[in-house]
Amino acid sequence: MAARKVNRIERDLDEHDRLILRALQQDARLTLSQIAERVGLSQTPCWNRLKRLESAGVIDRYVAVLCNEKLGYPETIIIEVTLDRHEEDILEKFGDAVRKLPEVIEVYLTAGGYDYLIKVAVAGTAHFEQFLREKLYRIGGIRQTRSIFTLRCLKRQPSIQM
């Protein structure tokens, strides 16, 4: 049912809605007046559309995107994790524990060769080793992991571009 709702919402988006979303993706700090001007609407219809997009869940939240490198966490590592067992409660417990780790910036339950794909930001290899030994491996239930050290980010976009 959720997939049908998403598809219906996407069909209901018109060009003004898409322009509003594009403007917010570029700068979520724009005022209502600035958004309205950019999309060619007066403030009231723009506000109504914005509230509809928020209510429908198209706009999930407003956040500041921080620069991990400037915060002292220049290394991004992707970890593939396979668990020993795949019962629902074990998957859920592992996912809950991983989400709580501050170094984890994204985590996905996946299909295929691994159960989870985890993206972490760390200060360097010593920090990564500490993260593995003192945090990730202590969760338990891990059969194997594979780590991929990224060299450079070529594109970072928190959602699809409108």
C-alpha atoms as a PDB file:
ATOM      1  CA  MET A   1       0.000   0.000   0.000  1.00  0.00           C
ATOM      2  CA  ALA A   2       2.852   2.393   0.765  1.00  0.00           C
ATOM      3  CA  ALA A   3       4.231   1.929  -2.755  1.00  0.00           C
ATOM      4  CA  ARG A   4       0.852   2.836  -4.258  1.00  0.00           C
ATOM      5  CA  LYS A   5       0.647   5.967  -2.127  1.00  0.00           C
ATOM      6  CA  VAL A   6       4.131   7.075  -3.227  1.00  0.00           C
ATOM      7  CA  ASN A   7       3.237   6.516  -6.880  1.00  0.00           C
ATOM      8  CA  ARG A   8      -0.029   8.425  -6.477  1.00  0.00           C
ATOM      9  CA  ILE A   9       1.770  11.323  -4.796  1.00  0.00           C
ATOM     10  CA  GLU A  10       4.361  11.441  -7.559  1.00  0.00           C
ATOM     11  CA  ARG A  11       1.613  11.556 -10.197  1.00  0.00           C
ATOM     12  CA  ASP A  12      -0.050  14.397  -8.308  1.00  0.00           C
ATOM     13  CA  LEU A  13       3.082  16.572  -8.322  1.00  0.00           C
ATOM     14  CA  ASP A  14       2.857  19.347 -10.875  1.00  0.00           C
ATOM     15  CA  GLU A  15       5.576  21.650 -12.143  1.00  0.00           C
ATOM     16  CA  HIS A  16       5.073  24.164  -9.312  1.00  0.00           C
ATOM     17  CA  ASP A  17       5.457  21.376  -6.723  1.00  0.00           C
ATOM     18  CA  ARG A  18       8.638  20.180  -8.421  1.00  0.00           C
ATOM     19  CA  LEU A  19      10.007  23.733  -8.536  1.00  0.00           C
ATOM     20  CA  ILE A  20       9.312  24.125  -4.810  1.00  0.00           C
ATOM     21  CA  LEU A  21      11.119  20.856  -4.102  1.00  0.00           C
ATOM     22  CA  ARG A  22      14.088  21.855  -6.282  1.00  0.00           C
ATOM     23  CA  ALA A  23      14.359  25.210  -4.526  1.00  0.00           C
ATOM     24  CA  LEU A  24      14.340  23.524  -1.100  1.00  0.00           C
ATOM     25  CA  GLN A  25      16.913  20.947  -2.197  1.00  0.00           C
ATOM     26  CA  GLN A  26      19.231  23.763  -3.164  1.00  0.00           C
ATOM     27  CA  ASP A  27      18.612  25.786   0.003  1.00  0.00           C
ATOM     28  CA  ALA A  28      16.167  24.689   2.700  1.00  0.00           C
ATOM     29  CA  ARG A  29      16.661  28.006   4.499  1.00  0.00           C
ATOM     30  CA  LEU A  30      14.774  29.973   1.855  1.00  0.00           C
ATOM     31  CA  THR A  31      11.919  32.036   3.201  1.00  0.00           C
ATOM     32  CA  LEU A  32       8.390  31.442   1.953  1.00  0.00           C
ATOM     33  CA  SER A  33       8.625  34.707   0.064  1.00  0.00           C
ATOM     34  CA  GLN A  34      11.832  33.594  -1.681  1.00  0.00           C
ATOM     35  CA  ILE A  35      10.382  30.201  -2.606  1.00  0.00           C
ATOM     36  CA  ALA A  36       7.195  31.784  -3.950  1.00  0.00           C
ATOM     37  CA  GLU A  37       9.217  34.200  -6.066  1.00  0.00           C
ATOM     38  CA  ARG A  38      11.392  31.408  -7.479  1.00  0.00           C
ATOM     39  CA  VAL A  39       8.433  29.232  -8.464  1.00  0.00           C
ATOM     40  CA  GLY A  40       6.188  32.010  -9.758  1.00  0.00           C
ATOM     41  CA  LEU A  41       3.410  31.819  -7.159  1.00  0.00           C
ATOM     42  CA  SER A  42       2.088  34.190  -4.554  1.00  0.00           C
ATOM     43  CA  GLN A  43       2.857  33.292  -0.950  1.00  0.00           C
ATOM     44  CA  THR A  44      -0.503  31.767   0.018  1.00  0.00           C
ATOM     45  CA  PRO A  45      -0.676  29.153  -2.767  1.00  0.00           C
ATOM     46  CA  CYS A  46       3.023  28.437  -2.253  1.00  0.00           C
ATOM     47  CA  TRP A  47       2.466  27.934   1.489  1.00  0.00           C
ATOM     48  CA  ASN A  48      -0.527  25.648   0.800  1.00  0.00           C
ATOM     49  CA  ARG A  49       1.559  23.525  -1.571  1.00  0.00           C
ATOM     50  CA  LEU A  50       4.440  23.380   0.881  1.00  0.00           C
ATOM     51  CA  LYS A  51       2.135  22.218   3.690  1.00  0.00           C
ATOM     52  CA  ARG A  52       0.560  19.603   1.369  1.00  0.00           C
ATOM     53  CA  LEU A  53       4.026  18.284   0.438  1.00  0.00           C
ATOM     54  CA  GLU A  54       4.963  18.087   4.118  1.00  0.00           C
ATOM     55  CA  SER A  55       1.676  16.381   5.092  1.00  0.00           C
ATOM     56  CA  ALA A  56       2.037  13.849   2.282  1.00  0.00           C
ATOM     57  CA  GLY A  57       5.534  12.987   3.512  1.00  0.00           C
ATOM     58  CA  VAL A  58       7.210  14.129   0.278  1.00  0.00           C
ATOM     59  CA  ILE A  59       9.226  16.518   2.438  1.00  0.00           C
ATOM     60  CA  ASP A  60      10.462  14.224   5.173  1.00  0.00           C
ATOM     61  CA  ARG A  61      12.334  16.807   7.246  1.00  0.00           C
ATOM     62  CA  TYR A  62      14.590  19.831   7.048  1.00  0.00           C
ATOM     63  CA  VAL A  63      18.229  19.271   7.991  1.00  0.00           C
ATOM     64  CA  ALA A  64      21.652  20.852   7.811  1.00  0.00           C
ATOM     65  CA  VAL A  65      24.087  18.758   5.771  1.00  0.00           C
ATOM     66  CA  LEU A  66      27.381  18.798   7.632  1.00  0.00           C
ATOM     67  CA  CYS A  67      30.849  18.340   6.156  1.00  0.00           C
ATOM     68  CA  ASN A  68      32.337  15.283   7.884  1.00  0.00           C
ATOM     69  CA  GLU A  69      35.825  16.190   6.699  1.00  0.00           C
ATOM     70  CA  LYS A  70      35.714  19.646   8.290  1.00  0.00           C
ATOM     71  CA  LEU A  71      34.379  18.072  11.490  1.00  0.00           C
ATOM     72  CA  GLY A  72      37.442  15.818  11.676  1.00  0.00           C
ATOM     73  CA  TYR A  73      35.980  12.679  10.073  1.00  0.00           C
ATOM     74  CA  PRO A  74      37.478  12.678   6.575  1.00  0.00           C
ATOM     75  CA  GLU A  75      37.350   8.931   5.920  1.00  0.00           C
ATOM     76  CA  THR A  76      34.189   7.277   4.621  1.00  0.00           C
ATOM     77  CA  ILE A  77      34.087   3.500   4.757  1.00  0.00           C
ATOM     78  CA  ILE A  78      31.371   1.193   3.506  1.00  0.00           C
ATOM     79  CA  ILE A  79      30.991  -2.046   5.453  1.00  0.00           C
ATOM     80  CA  GLU A  80      29.138  -5.066   4.152  1.00  0.00           C
ATOM     81  CA  VAL A  81      27.871  -7.286   6.968  1.00  0.00           C
ATOM     82  CA  THR A  82      26.540 -10.837   6.913  1.00  0.00           C
ATOM     83  CA  LEU A  83      24.851 -12.129  10.052  1.00  0.00           C
ATOM     84  CA  ASP A  84      24.958 -15.680  11.397  1.00  0.00           C
ATOM     85  CA  ARG A  85      21.166 -15.982  11.420  1.00  0.00           C
ATOM     86  CA  HIS A  86      18.338 -14.227   9.637  1.00  0.00           C
ATOM     87  CA  GLU A  87      15.355 -14.393  11.961  1.00  0.00           C
ATOM     88  CA  GLU A  88      13.339 -11.184  12.013  1.00  0.00           C
ATOM     89  CA  ASP A  89      14.111 -10.378  15.653  1.00  0.00           C
ATOM     90  CA  ILE A  90      17.866 -10.807  15.077  1.00  0.00           C
ATOM     91  CA  LEU A  91      17.821  -8.560  11.995  1.00  0.00           C
ATOM     92  CA  GLU A  92      15.817  -5.961  13.900  1.00  0.00           C
ATOM     93  CA  LYS A  93      18.080  -6.095  16.973  1.00  0.00           C
ATOM     94  CA  PHE A  94      21.214  -5.702  14.841  1.00  0.00           C
ATOM     95  CA  GLY A  95      19.684  -2.830  12.841  1.00  0.00           C
ATOM     96  CA  ASP A  96      18.622  -1.026  16.024  1.00  0.00           C
ATOM     97  CA  ALA A  97      22.098  -1.369  17.549  1.00  0.00           C
ATOM     98  CA  VAL A  98      23.904  -0.158  14.409  1.00  0.00           C
ATOM     99  CA  ARG A  99      21.629   2.892  14.043  1.00  0.00           C
ATOM    100  CA  LYS A 100      22.718   4.057  17.515  1.00  0.00           C
ATOM    101  CA  LEU A 101      26.433   4.196  16.645  1.00  0.00           C
ATOM    102  CA  PRO A 102      27.481   7.828  16.045  1.00  0.00           C
ATOM    103  CA  GLU A 103      29.973   6.949  13.297  1.00  0.00           C
ATOM    104  CA  VAL A 104      27.215   5.335  11.229  1.00  0.00           C
ATOM    105  CA  ILE A 105      25.821   7.813   8.731  1.00  0.00           C
ATOM    106  CA  GLU A 106      23.734   5.355   6.687  1.00  0.00           C
ATOM    107  CA  VAL A 107      22.625   1.774   7.166  1.00  0.00           C
ATOM    108  CA  TYR A 108      20.608  -0.424   4.819  1.00  0.00           C
ATOM    109  CA  LEU A 109      19.105  -3.879   5.176  1.00  0.00           C
ATOM    110  CA  THR A 110      19.921  -5.459   1.816  1.00  0.00           C
ATOM    111  CA  ALA A 111      19.216  -8.459  -0.371  1.00  0.00           C
ATOM    112  CA  GLY A 112      22.017 -10.335  -2.077  1.00  0.00           C
ATOM    113  CA  GLY A 113      25.413 -11.386  -0.765  1.00  0.00           C
ATOM    114  CA  TYR A 114      25.282  -9.329   2.449  1.00  0.00           C
ATOM    115  CA  ASP A 115      22.580  -8.526   4.977  1.00  0.00           C
ATOM    116  CA  TYR A 116      23.547  -4.930   5.754  1.00  0.00           C
ATOM    117  CA  LEU A 117      25.376  -2.129   4.044  1.00  0.00           C
ATOM    118  CA  ILE A 118      26.754   0.367   6.574  1.00  0.00           C
ATOM    119  CA  LYS A 119      28.377   3.692   5.736  1.00  0.00           C
ATOM    120  CA  VAL A 120      30.592   5.171   8.446  1.00  0.00           C
ATOM    121  CA  ALA A 121      32.614   8.357   8.842  1.00  0.00           C
ATOM    122  CA  VAL A 122      35.805   8.106  10.883  1.00  0.00           C
ATOM    123  CA  ALA A 123      38.899  10.171  11.673  1.00  0.00           C
ATOM    124  CA  GLY A 124      41.291   7.616  10.139  1.00  0.00           C
ATOM    125  CA  THR A 125      42.303   3.966  10.159  1.00  0.00           C
ATOM    126  CA  ALA A 126      42.981   3.878  13.920  1.00  0.00           C
ATOM    127  CA  HIS A 127      39.498   5.275  14.577  1.00  0.00           C
ATOM    128  CA  PHE A 128      38.040   2.723  12.147  1.00  0.00           C
ATOM    129  CA  GLU A 129      39.797  -0.153  13.925  1.00  0.00           C
ATOM    130  CA  GLN A 130      38.478   1.152  17.246  1.00  0.00           C
ATOM    131  CA  PHE A 131      34.972   1.408  15.755  1.00  0.00           C
ATOM    132  CA  LEU A 132      35.138  -2.212  14.552  1.00  0.00           C
ATOM    133  CA  ARG A 133      36.598  -3.720  17.723  1.00  0.00           C
ATOM    134  CA  GLU A 134      34.811  -1.673  20.363  1.00  0.00           C
ATOM    135  CA  LYS A 135      31.455  -1.059  18.717  1.00  0.00           C
ATOM    136  CA  LEU A 136      30.440  -3.016  15.630  1.00  0.00           C
ATOM    137  CA  TYR A 137      31.886  -6.420  16.570  1.00  0.00           C
ATOM    138  CA  ARG A 138      30.470  -6.160  20.079  1.00  0.00           C
ATOM    139  CA  ILE A 139      26.931  -6.163  18.714  1.00  0.00           C
ATOM    140  CA  GLY A 140      27.346  -9.875  18.054  1.00  0.00           C
ATOM    141  CA  GLY A 141      25.825 -12.226  15.539  1.00  0.00           C
ATOM    142  CA  ILE A 142      28.133 -11.169  12.711  1.00  0.00           C
ATOM    143  CA  ARG A 143      29.396 -13.972  10.482  1.00  0.00           C
ATOM    144  CA  GLN A 144      31.575 -11.805   8.244  1.00  0.00           C
ATOM    145  CA  THR A 145      32.270  -8.251   7.165  1.00  0.00           C
ATOM    146  CA  ARG A 146      33.967  -6.637   4.222  1.00  0.00           C
ATOM    147  CA  SER A 147      35.162  -3.043   4.350  1.00  0.00           C
ATOM    148  CA  ILE A 148      35.504  -0.746   1.371  1.00  0.00           C
ATOM    149  CA  PHE A 149      37.558   2.405   1.880  1.00  0.00           C
ATOM    150  CA  THR A 150      36.325   5.214  -0.328  1.00  0.00           C
ATOM    151  CA  LEU A 151      38.844   7.462  -2.075  1.00  0.00           C
ATOM    152  CA  ARG A 152      36.675  10.420  -3.013  1.00  0.00           C
ATOM    153  CA  CYS A 153      32.992  11.289  -3.144  1.00  0.00           C
ATOM    154  CA  LEU A 154      31.913  12.093  -6.681  1.00  0.00           C
ATOM    155  CA  LYS A 155      28.286  12.885  -5.859  1.00  0.00           C
ATOM    156  CA  ARG A 156      26.440  13.394  -2.587  1.00  0.00           C
ATOM    157  CA  GLN A 157      22.715  13.951  -2.877  1.00  0.00           C
ATOM    158  CA  PRO A 158      20.421  13.164   0.070  1.00  0.00           C
ATOM    159  CA  SER A 159      17.469  12.359  -2.218  1.00  0.00           C
ATOM    160  CA  ILE A 160      16.636  12.175  -5.894  1.00  0.00           C
ATOM    161  CA  GLN A 161      17.032  15.462  -7.681  1.00  0.00           C
ATOM    162  CA  MET A 162      13.731  17.052  -8.638  1.00  0.00           C
END
